[in-house]
Structures are given as C-alpha cells and as structure tokens.
Amino acid sequence: MARDSATPEGVELQVSYGCMPTLYKSDYATVEHAVASRLVRVIRTGKQFDSAYLAKSEVARWGGCVDRLALTELGFLLDWRLGPLSTDSEVLRVVVLGTHAIGVRFAKQAVLLMSPLGALQAQRLQRIHDSEPEIFTDEAQAYSYVTGR
C-alpha cells in the first residue's frame, strides 16, 4: 500500500493504476480522491443502511478520511446512482446532514443520481434539511460542475 503526506493518519491509500486513489472502502461506499481532477468522490454501493446508527457511523468515516486534504480547493461529488432509496426518515436525515457537514468544507459539492425521480427526492430532502449540493443526473455535467471545467 502506498502512503503520502495527504493521506489521513490510519488510512491506507490503495492505488490502482489508471484509477483514482481510494481513501476508504466499505460495503456501503468507496471514497476516492482524484488528484488531477481536484475532486473527492463518494460512490455509494447498493447496500442499504440497516439503521441510523450504522449510517451515521459510516458517513463519519467518509468525513474522517478526507480531513487532511485541502478541501477548500477540491470539489465533492456524491455518486448516489447505485445507492438504494430509503423510506427510513431517520436514516435519510443522518445521511443528508452528515454528507452536508462534509460537503460544505469543499469548494463545490454535487450529488449524482440515476434518475429524475431520485433528483426529485433529493430536492425534497435538500429543502427539508437545508442542504446545499447541486443535483445532477448527468455524469459529465456533475463532473464539470465540481471541477469547474
């Protein structure tokens, strides 16, 4: 495993040639740092959070693995295309507030969703929880927004 000065203490940096360095990986998400593109991407898997406690713990790990990066110079992309919809309002609240707390530390933040229906749900959650990320269903547009390109 490779390490560098930008890698958070206790987090091993996994390098796959041709891919983004992976800062964190679990059954719920992968957190990648695209150094050249100047962005951090959280990619949700299809695994559902079983409880709000588990969701809160997982989101805290995402935040912890980016703490030592120069966040105000980076974009933050939540790639939620594989993430399952949840009807558990407490899980939704914990995830929205937790990712918001991470995202506001970045220069720009966006959520990438699979469909317009997902975008509608995200907009509703955004209003309820006073969250700020831009919402996209087009990957190229989302990347362009968070990287400023």
Protein backbone atom coordinates (compact mmCIF):
# COMPACT_ATOMS: atom_id res chain seq x y z
CA MET A 1 0.00 0.00 0.00
CA ALA A 2 1.24 3.46 -0.87
CA ARG A 3 1.15 6.41 1.54
CA ASP A 4 1.78 10.10 1.13
CA SER A 5 1.57 13.24 3.25
CA ALA A 6 -2.03 13.92 2.16
CA THR A 7 -3.24 10.53 3.39
CA PRO A 8 -5.15 10.74 6.71
CA GLU A 9 -3.46 9.07 9.67
CA GLY A 10 -4.51 5.44 9.99
CA VAL A 11 -6.00 5.26 6.48
CA GLU A 12 -4.18 3.20 3.91
CA LEU A 13 -4.11 4.62 0.42
CA GLN A 14 -4.87 1.95 -2.16
CA VAL A 15 -3.55 2.80 -5.61
CA SER A 16 -4.94 1.17 -8.72
CA TYR A 17 -3.07 2.29 -11.80
CA GLY A 18 -5.35 4.19 -14.15
CA CYS A 19 -7.87 4.85 -11.37
CA MET A 20 -8.34 7.32 -8.55
CA PRO A 21 -6.58 6.65 -5.24
CA THR A 22 -9.03 5.02 -2.84
CA LEU A 23 -9.12 6.67 0.57
CA TYR A 24 -11.78 4.39 2.06
CA LYS A 25 -13.81 1.37 1.02
CA SER A 26 -16.64 -0.50 2.75
CA ASP A 27 -19.77 -2.46 1.89
CA TYR A 28 -21.61 0.90 1.70
CA ALA A 29 -19.28 3.18 -0.24
CA THR A 30 -15.90 3.93 -1.72
CA VAL A 31 -14.21 7.31 -1.21
CA GLU A 32 -11.79 8.30 -3.97
CA HIS A 33 -9.51 11.30 -4.35
CA ALA A 34 -8.95 12.32 -7.97
CA VAL A 35 -5.82 14.40 -7.52
CA ALA A 36 -5.55 15.60 -11.15
CA SER A 37 -9.26 16.48 -11.34
CA ARG A 38 -9.18 18.07 -7.89
CA LEU A 39 -12.18 16.23 -6.51
CA VAL A 40 -13.26 13.73 -3.89
CA ARG A 41 -15.94 11.27 -4.93
CA VAL A 42 -18.07 9.14 -2.60
CA ILE A 43 -19.56 6.25 -4.56
CA ARG A 44 -22.46 4.52 -2.83
CA THR A 45 -22.97 0.81 -3.31
CA GLY A 46 -26.38 -0.85 -3.49
CA LYS A 47 -26.22 -1.93 0.17
CA GLN A 48 -28.98 -0.44 2.32
CA PHE A 49 -28.19 1.08 5.74
CA ASP A 50 -29.90 -1.10 8.34
CA SER A 51 -30.10 1.65 10.96
CA ALA A 52 -29.49 5.34 11.52
CA TYR A 53 -26.65 4.47 13.89
CA LEU A 54 -24.90 2.46 11.16
CA ALA A 55 -25.47 5.25 8.61
CA LYS A 56 -24.08 7.89 10.98
CA SER A 57 -21.00 5.79 11.71
CA GLU A 58 -20.36 5.17 8.01
CA VAL A 59 -20.77 8.81 7.00
CA ALA A 60 -18.39 9.82 9.81
CA ARG A 61 -15.77 7.52 8.29
CA TRP A 62 -16.18 9.27 4.93
CA GLY A 63 -15.58 12.61 6.59
CA GLY A 64 -12.63 11.33 8.57
CA CYS A 65 -10.76 10.05 5.54
CA VAL A 66 -10.72 13.50 3.89
CA ASP A 67 -9.81 15.57 6.94
CA ARG A 68 -6.19 16.14 5.93
CA LEU A 69 -6.90 17.13 2.34
CA ALA A 70 -7.06 20.77 1.19
CA LEU A 71 -10.85 20.62 0.91
CA THR A 72 -11.47 24.27 0.01
CA GLU A 73 -9.54 23.62 -3.21
CA LEU A 74 -11.46 20.46 -4.16
CA GLY A 75 -14.88 19.54 -5.47
CA PHE A 76 -17.04 16.95 -3.67
CA LEU A 77 -19.19 14.54 -5.67
CA LEU A 78 -21.65 12.16 -4.04
CA ASP A 79 -22.24 9.45 -6.65
CA TRP A 80 -25.52 8.00 -5.42
CA ARG A 81 -26.51 6.20 -8.64
CA LEU A 82 -26.29 2.76 -7.03
CA GLY A 83 -27.50 3.84 -3.60
CA PRO A 84 -30.88 2.37 -2.71
CA LEU A 85 -33.79 4.65 -1.89
CA SER A 86 -34.76 4.56 1.77
CA THR A 87 -38.09 5.15 3.45
CA ASP A 88 -36.50 5.38 6.90
CA SER A 89 -36.70 9.10 7.67
CA GLU A 90 -34.05 8.90 10.39
CA VAL A 91 -31.53 7.18 8.08
CA LEU A 92 -32.23 9.83 5.43
CA ARG A 93 -31.81 12.64 7.96
CA VAL A 94 -28.50 11.25 9.25
CA VAL A 95 -27.09 10.75 5.75
CA VAL A 96 -28.21 14.15 4.44
CA LEU A 97 -26.93 16.06 7.48
CA GLY A 98 -23.71 14.05 7.62
CA THR A 99 -22.85 14.46 3.95
CA HIS A 100 -23.82 18.14 4.17
CA ALA A 101 -21.35 18.62 7.05
CA ILE A 102 -18.63 17.07 4.89
CA GLY A 103 -19.64 18.85 1.67
CA VAL A 104 -19.71 22.41 2.98
CA ARG A 105 -15.98 22.16 3.63
CA PHE A 106 -15.33 21.78 -0.12
CA ALA A 107 -15.20 24.44 -2.84
CA LYS A 108 -18.23 22.88 -4.59
CA GLN A 109 -20.46 19.93 -3.91
CA ALA A 110 -22.85 17.89 -6.05
CA VAL A 111 -24.97 14.76 -5.92
CA LEU A 112 -25.13 12.46 -8.95
CA LEU A 113 -28.31 10.38 -9.16
CA MET A 114 -29.62 7.75 -11.54
CA SER A 115 -32.95 9.25 -12.49
CA PRO A 116 -35.15 12.33 -12.37
CA LEU A 117 -37.22 10.57 -9.66
CA GLY A 118 -34.11 10.34 -7.48
CA ALA A 119 -33.42 14.01 -8.19
CA LEU A 120 -36.93 14.92 -7.00
CA GLN A 121 -36.40 13.02 -3.74
CA ALA A 122 -33.00 14.69 -3.30
CA GLN A 123 -34.53 18.13 -3.87
CA ARG A 124 -37.19 17.41 -1.25
CA LEU A 125 -34.54 16.29 1.25
CA GLN A 126 -32.44 19.31 0.38
CA ARG A 127 -35.33 21.65 1.28
CA ILE A 128 -36.24 19.80 4.47
CA HIS A 129 -32.68 19.62 5.80
CA ASP A 130 -31.32 22.89 4.37
CA SER A 131 -28.61 21.10 2.40
CA GLU A 132 -26.68 22.74 -0.44
CA PRO A 133 -25.33 20.37 -3.09
CA GLU A 134 -26.25 20.80 -6.74
CA ILE A 135 -28.19 17.81 -8.07
CA PHE A 136 -27.38 16.07 -11.36
CA THR A 137 -28.48 13.01 -13.30
CA ASP A 138 -25.81 13.53 -15.98
CA GLU A 139 -22.30 12.41 -15.01
CA ALA A 140 -20.45 14.78 -17.37
CA GLN A 141 -22.40 17.77 -16.06
CA ALA A 142 -21.77 16.76 -12.44
CA TYR A 143 -18.01 16.40 -13.03
CA SER A 144 -17.90 19.68 -14.94
CA TYR A 145 -19.64 21.46 -12.08
CA VAL A 146 -17.49 20.15 -9.22
CA THR A 147 -14.20 20.51 -11.08
CA GLY A 148 -15.02 23.90 -12.58
CA ARG A 149 -14.26 22.63 -16.09
